[in-house]
């Protein structure tokens, strides 16, 4: 899933990908879960803010795609606000 939002003149693209289910020796190690990638660009800037990945606070993938999208957008807002101040 990919979404692009505008925030304070910047284009924020959030890509949510589902990590595959990992099974080893018939034991489930981890379940399929969303992981978020965030790209921030400004139409007039020669170089944007470096793309980054996010996980939840415990370092694990997000529980839902909606959680991943929201976390990605919130992180982008914080970076843009710091960039502009």
Protein backbone atom coordinates (compact mmCIF):
# COMPACT_ATOMS: atom_id res chain seq x y z
CA UNK A 1 0.00 0.00 0.00
CA UNK A 2 1.34 3.43 -0.92
CA UNK A 3 -0.05 6.82 0.04
CA UNK A 4 1.24 10.32 -0.72
CA UNK A 5 0.30 13.29 1.44
CA UNK A 6 1.22 16.97 1.39
CA UNK A 7 2.46 18.67 4.53
CA UNK A 8 3.78 22.25 4.68
CA UNK A 9 4.83 22.17 1.01
CA UNK A 10 6.50 18.76 1.22
CA UNK A 11 5.33 15.54 -0.42
CA UNK A 12 5.31 12.65 2.04
CA UNK A 13 5.14 9.18 0.49
CA UNK A 14 4.45 6.31 2.84
CA UNK A 15 4.80 2.74 1.62
CA UNK A 16 3.50 -0.05 3.81
CA UNK A 17 4.74 -3.53 2.97
CA UNK A 18 3.76 -6.76 4.63
CA UNK A 19 6.66 -8.81 5.88
CA UNK A 20 6.24 -12.52 5.12
CA UNK A 21 5.41 -15.10 7.71
CA UNK A 22 8.59 -16.80 8.93
CA UNK A 23 8.42 -20.46 9.84
CA UNK A 24 11.42 -22.54 10.88
CA UNK A 25 11.35 -26.20 11.83
CA UNK A 26 7.54 -26.15 11.95
CA UNK A 27 7.59 -23.39 14.58
CA UNK A 28 6.24 -19.95 13.77
CA UNK A 29 8.94 -17.38 14.50
CA UNK A 30 7.00 -14.30 13.45
CA UNK A 31 3.68 -13.52 11.80
CA UNK A 32 3.10 -11.43 8.71
CA UNK A 33 3.05 -7.77 9.73
CA UNK A 34 3.31 -4.35 8.08
CA UNK A 35 6.57 -2.42 7.83
CA UNK A 36 6.64 1.26 6.84
CA UNK A 37 9.01 3.15 4.51
CA UNK A 38 8.81 6.98 4.42
CA UNK A 39 10.12 9.34 1.71
CA UNK A 40 9.95 13.14 2.04
CA UNK A 41 10.48 15.41 -0.96
CA UNK A 42 10.08 19.11 -1.66
CA UNK A 43 9.28 20.15 -5.23
CA UNK A 44 11.78 23.06 -5.12
CA UNK A 45 14.59 21.30 -3.24
CA UNK A 46 17.54 19.70 -5.00
CA UNK A 47 17.79 17.05 -2.29
CA UNK A 48 15.08 15.86 0.03
CA UNK A 49 15.23 14.31 3.47
CA UNK A 50 16.73 10.81 3.34
CA UNK A 51 14.15 8.00 3.16
CA UNK A 52 13.77 5.92 6.31
CA UNK A 53 12.01 2.87 7.74
CA UNK A 54 10.01 2.65 10.92
CA UNK A 55 9.04 -0.05 13.36
CA UNK A 56 6.92 0.30 16.46
CA UNK A 57 8.34 1.35 19.84
CA UNK A 58 9.40 -2.20 20.67
CA UNK A 59 11.34 -2.55 17.40
CA UNK A 60 8.75 -4.90 15.95
CA UNK A 61 6.55 -4.49 12.88
CA UNK A 62 3.24 -2.64 13.27
CA UNK A 63 0.04 -4.50 14.14
CA UNK A 64 -2.00 -3.01 11.28
CA UNK A 65 -1.50 -1.11 8.02
CA UNK A 66 -3.39 1.86 9.52
CA UNK A 67 -0.96 1.98 12.48
CA UNK A 68 1.97 1.94 10.06
CA UNK A 69 0.54 4.75 7.88
CA UNK A 70 -0.21 6.94 10.88
CA UNK A 71 3.21 6.39 12.45
CA UNK A 72 4.93 7.15 9.16
CA UNK A 73 3.03 10.39 8.68
CA UNK A 74 3.63 11.50 12.27
CA UNK A 75 7.37 10.86 11.93
CA UNK A 76 7.45 12.82 8.65
CA UNK A 77 5.59 15.74 10.27
CA UNK A 78 8.15 15.90 13.08
CA UNK A 79 11.10 15.87 10.67
CA UNK A 80 9.56 18.55 8.45
CA UNK A 81 8.73 20.76 11.43
CA UNK A 82 12.33 20.47 12.69
CA UNK A 83 13.68 21.12 9.20
CA UNK A 84 11.66 24.34 8.90
CA UNK A 85 12.59 25.75 12.32
